[in-house]
Amino acid sequence: MQDYYYKVVIEAQREGGFTAYVPTLPGCVSEGENYQETVDNITEALELYLETLKERKQRIKPDNIRFSEICVSL
């Protein structure tokens, strides 16, 4: 068994709840009513995404996302 690490973006939604996605893996998206539910759901989505790639003998791309915090003064 191999461990895979991916950065996940979790965003609060105006209408309530959260949306999460994995930038490196297009289409790997989930949502939840609260933060923890969203983390649980995106974890499950990520596992299913990678399992599907593995079953189809497709390449599992490594995470290639870098985050930077940038300050802009106006």
N, C-alpha and C. Protein backbone atom coordinates (compact mmCIF):
# COMPACT_ATOMS: atom_id res chain seq x y z
N MET A 1 0.84 -1.18 0.00
CA MET A 1 0.00 0.00 0.00
C MET A 1 0.89 1.24 0.00
N GLN A 2 0.53 2.23 -0.79
CA GLN A 2 1.31 3.45 -0.92
C GLN A 2 0.49 4.64 -0.45
N ASP A 3 1.16 5.59 0.21
CA ASP A 3 0.50 6.81 0.65
C ASP A 3 0.64 7.89 -0.41
N TYR A 4 -0.43 8.63 -0.62
CA TYR A 4 -0.44 9.75 -1.55
C TYR A 4 -0.89 11.00 -0.79
N TYR A 5 -0.22 12.10 -1.03
CA TYR A 5 -0.55 13.35 -0.36
C TYR A 5 -0.94 14.39 -1.41
N TYR A 6 -2.08 15.02 -1.21
CA TYR A 6 -2.57 16.05 -2.13
C TYR A 6 -3.08 17.24 -1.34
N LYS A 7 -2.84 18.41 -1.88
CA LYS A 7 -3.39 19.63 -1.30
C LYS A 7 -4.85 19.74 -1.73
N VAL A 8 -5.67 20.17 -0.80
CA VAL A 8 -7.11 20.32 -1.03
C VAL A 8 -7.50 21.75 -0.70
N VAL A 9 -8.31 22.35 -1.55
CA VAL A 9 -8.84 23.69 -1.30
C VAL A 9 -10.26 23.53 -0.77
N ILE A 10 -10.53 24.14 0.36
CA ILE A 10 -11.87 24.11 0.96
C ILE A 10 -12.36 25.54 1.08
N GLU A 11 -13.51 25.80 0.48
CA GLU A 11 -14.06 27.16 0.44
C GLU A 11 -15.46 27.19 1.05
N ALA A 12 -15.69 28.16 1.92
CA ALA A 12 -17.04 28.36 2.46
C ALA A 12 -17.92 28.92 1.35
N GLN A 13 -19.17 28.52 1.33
CA GLN A 13 -20.12 28.98 0.33
C GLN A 13 -21.09 29.99 0.96
N ARG A 14 -21.45 31.01 0.20
CA ARG A 14 -22.37 32.05 0.70
C ARG A 14 -23.68 31.47 1.22
N GLU A 15 -24.19 30.48 0.50
CA GLU A 15 -25.48 29.90 0.86
C GLU A 15 -25.37 28.89 2.00
N GLY A 16 -24.17 28.68 2.50
CA GLY A 16 -23.91 27.74 3.59
C GLY A 16 -23.15 26.52 3.11
N GLY A 17 -22.49 25.89 4.03
CA GLY A 17 -21.71 24.71 3.70
C GLY A 17 -20.37 25.06 3.07
N PHE A 18 -19.70 24.03 2.59
CA PHE A 18 -18.35 24.17 2.03
C PHE A 18 -18.23 23.35 0.76
N THR A 19 -17.34 23.79 -0.11
CA THR A 19 -16.97 23.03 -1.30
C THR A 19 -15.48 22.75 -1.22
N ALA A 20 -15.07 21.56 -1.66
CA ALA A 20 -13.66 21.19 -1.63
C ALA A 20 -13.27 20.60 -2.98
N TYR A 21 -12.03 20.86 -3.38
CA TYR A 21 -11.51 20.26 -4.62
C TYR A 21 -10.01 20.06 -4.51
N VAL A 22 -9.51 19.14 -5.34
CA VAL A 22 -8.08 18.83 -5.41
C VAL A 22 -7.57 19.41 -6.72
N PRO A 23 -6.82 20.52 -6.68
CA PRO A 23 -6.38 21.18 -7.92
C PRO A 23 -5.61 20.29 -8.88
N THR A 24 -4.83 19.35 -8.37
CA THR A 24 -4.03 18.47 -9.23
C THR A 24 -4.88 17.44 -9.98
N LEU A 25 -6.06 17.13 -9.45
CA LEU A 25 -6.89 16.07 -10.02
C LEU A 25 -8.22 16.65 -10.51
N PRO A 26 -8.31 17.02 -11.78
CA PRO A 26 -9.52 17.63 -12.32
C PRO A 26 -10.76 16.77 -12.06
N GLY A 27 -11.80 17.39 -11.55
CA GLY A 27 -13.04 16.68 -11.30
C GLY A 27 -13.14 16.06 -9.93
N CYS A 28 -12.07 16.11 -9.15
CA CYS A 28 -12.12 15.58 -7.79
C CYS A 28 -12.65 16.68 -6.88
N VAL A 29 -13.98 16.66 -6.70
CA VAL A 29 -14.70 17.74 -6.00
C VAL A 29 -15.70 17.11 -5.05
N SER A 30 -15.95 17.79 -3.95
CA SER A 30 -16.99 17.35 -3.03
C SER A 30 -17.50 18.55 -2.25
N GLU A 31 -18.46 18.30 -1.38
CA GLU A 31 -19.03 19.39 -0.56
C GLU A 31 -19.55 18.80 0.74
N GLY A 32 -19.93 19.68 1.64
CA GLY A 32 -20.49 19.25 2.90
C GLY A 32 -21.18 20.40 3.60
N GLU A 33 -22.01 20.05 4.58
CA GLU A 33 -22.75 21.08 5.32
C GLU A 33 -21.87 21.80 6.33
N ASN A 34 -20.81 21.11 6.83
CA ASN A 34 -19.86 21.75 7.75
C ASN A 34 -18.45 21.36 7.34
N TYR A 35 -17.46 21.97 8.00
CA TYR A 35 -16.07 21.77 7.61
C TYR A 35 -15.66 20.29 7.71
N GLN A 36 -15.95 19.65 8.83
CA GLN A 36 -15.51 18.27 9.02
C GLN A 36 -16.18 17.32 8.03
N GLU A 37 -17.47 17.53 7.77
CA GLU A 37 -18.15 16.71 6.77
C GLU A 37 -17.51 16.89 5.40
N THR A 38 -17.11 18.10 5.09
CA THR A 38 -16.46 18.39 3.81
C THR A 38 -15.12 17.68 3.72
N VAL A 39 -14.34 17.70 4.80
CA VAL A 39 -13.05 17.00 4.82
C VAL A 39 -13.27 15.50 4.63
N ASP A 40 -14.24 14.94 5.33
CA ASP A 40 -14.54 13.51 5.19
C ASP A 40 -14.96 13.17 3.77
N ASN A 41 -15.80 14.02 3.17
CA ASN A 41 -16.31 13.76 1.82
C ASN A 41 -15.22 13.88 0.77
N ILE A 42 -14.35 14.88 0.88
CA ILE A 42 -13.29 15.04 -0.13
C ILE A 42 -12.24 13.93 0.04
N THR A 43 -12.04 13.45 1.25
CA THR A 43 -11.13 12.32 1.47
C THR A 43 -11.67 11.08 0.76
N GLU A 44 -12.95 10.83 0.91
CA GLU A 44 -13.57 9.70 0.22
C GLU A 44 -13.51 9.87 -1.29
N ALA A 45 -13.79 11.09 -1.78
CA ALA A 45 -13.73 11.35 -3.21
C ALA A 45 -12.32 11.13 -3.75
N LEU A 46 -11.32 11.56 -3.00
CA LEU A 46 -9.93 11.39 -3.41
C LEU A 46 -9.55 9.91 -3.46
N GLU A 47 -9.96 9.15 -2.46
CA GLU A 47 -9.69 7.71 -2.46
C GLU A 47 -10.32 7.04 -3.67
N LEU A 48 -11.58 7.35 -3.95
CA LEU A 48 -12.26 6.75 -5.09
C LEU A 48 -11.61 7.16 -6.42
N TYR A 49 -11.22 8.42 -6.52
CA TYR A 49 -10.56 8.93 -7.72
C TYR A 49 -9.29 8.13 -8.00
N LEU A 50 -8.45 8.00 -6.95
CA LEU A 50 -7.17 7.29 -7.13
C LEU A 50 -7.37 5.79 -7.36
N GLU A 51 -8.34 5.20 -6.67
CA GLU A 51 -8.63 3.78 -6.89
C GLU A 51 -9.07 3.53 -8.33
N THR A 52 -9.87 4.44 -8.87
CA THR A 52 -10.33 4.31 -10.26
C THR A 52 -9.16 4.39 -11.22
N LEU A 53 -8.26 5.35 -10.99
CA LEU A 53 -7.07 5.45 -11.85
C LEU A 53 -6.26 4.16 -11.79
N LYS A 54 -6.09 3.63 -10.58
CA LYS A 54 -5.30 2.41 -10.40
C LYS A 54 -5.96 1.22 -11.11
N GLU A 55 -7.28 1.09 -10.97
CA GLU A 55 -8.01 -0.01 -11.63
C GLU A 55 -7.89 0.06 -13.14
N ARG A 56 -7.88 1.29 -13.67
CA ARG A 56 -7.78 1.49 -15.13
C ARG A 56 -6.34 1.51 -15.61
N LYS A 57 -5.43 1.25 -14.67
CA LYS A 57 -3.99 1.23 -14.96
C LYS A 57 -3.52 2.56 -15.57
N GLN A 58 -4.09 3.64 -15.07
CA GLN A 58 -3.69 4.98 -15.49
C GLN A 58 -2.70 5.54 -14.48
N ARG A 59 -1.91 6.46 -14.94
CA ARG A 59 -0.88 7.08 -14.10
C ARG A 59 -1.53 7.93 -13.01
N ILE A 60 -1.03 7.79 -11.79
CA ILE A 60 -1.46 8.64 -10.68
C ILE A 60 -0.49 9.80 -10.59
N LYS A 61 -0.99 11.00 -10.92
CA LYS A 61 -0.14 12.18 -10.94
C LYS A 61 0.22 12.61 -9.52
N PRO A 62 1.49 12.94 -9.30
CA PRO A 62 1.87 13.48 -7.99
C PRO A 62 1.32 14.90 -7.83
N ASP A 63 1.14 15.31 -6.60
CA ASP A 63 0.67 16.67 -6.34
C ASP A 63 1.75 17.66 -6.80
N ASN A 64 1.35 18.62 -7.57
CA ASN A 64 2.30 19.60 -8.10
C ASN A 64 1.90 21.03 -7.75
N ILE A 65 1.06 21.19 -6.76
CA ILE A 65 0.54 22.50 -6.39
C ILE A 65 1.42 23.12 -5.31
N ARG A 66 1.72 24.39 -5.49
CA ARG A 66 2.44 25.17 -4.47
C ARG A 66 1.57 26.37 -4.11
N PHE A 67 1.47 26.63 -2.83
CA PHE A 67 0.71 27.78 -2.37
C PHE A 67 1.65 28.87 -1.91
N SER A 68 1.30 30.09 -2.23
CA SER A 68 2.04 31.25 -1.75
C SER A 68 1.04 32.27 -1.26
N GLU A 69 1.38 32.91 -0.17
CA GLU A 69 0.57 34.00 0.32
C GLU A 69 1.23 35.30 -0.15
N ILE A 70 0.45 36.13 -0.82
CA ILE A 70 0.99 37.35 -1.40
C ILE A 70 0.24 38.54 -0.81
N CYS A 71 0.99 39.52 -0.36
CA CYS A 71 0.40 40.73 0.20
C CYS A 71 0.41 41.83 -0.85
N VAL A 72 -0.72 42.48 -1.02
CA VAL A 72 -0.83 43.61 -1.93
C VAL A 72 -1.32 44.79 -1.12
N SER A 73 -0.57 45.88 -1.13
CA SER A 73 -0.95 47.09 -0.39
C SER A 73 -1.55 48.10 -1.33
N LEU A 74 -2.68 48.63 -0.96
CA LEU A 74 -3.35 49.63 -1.79
C LEU A 74 -3.50 50.94 -1.03
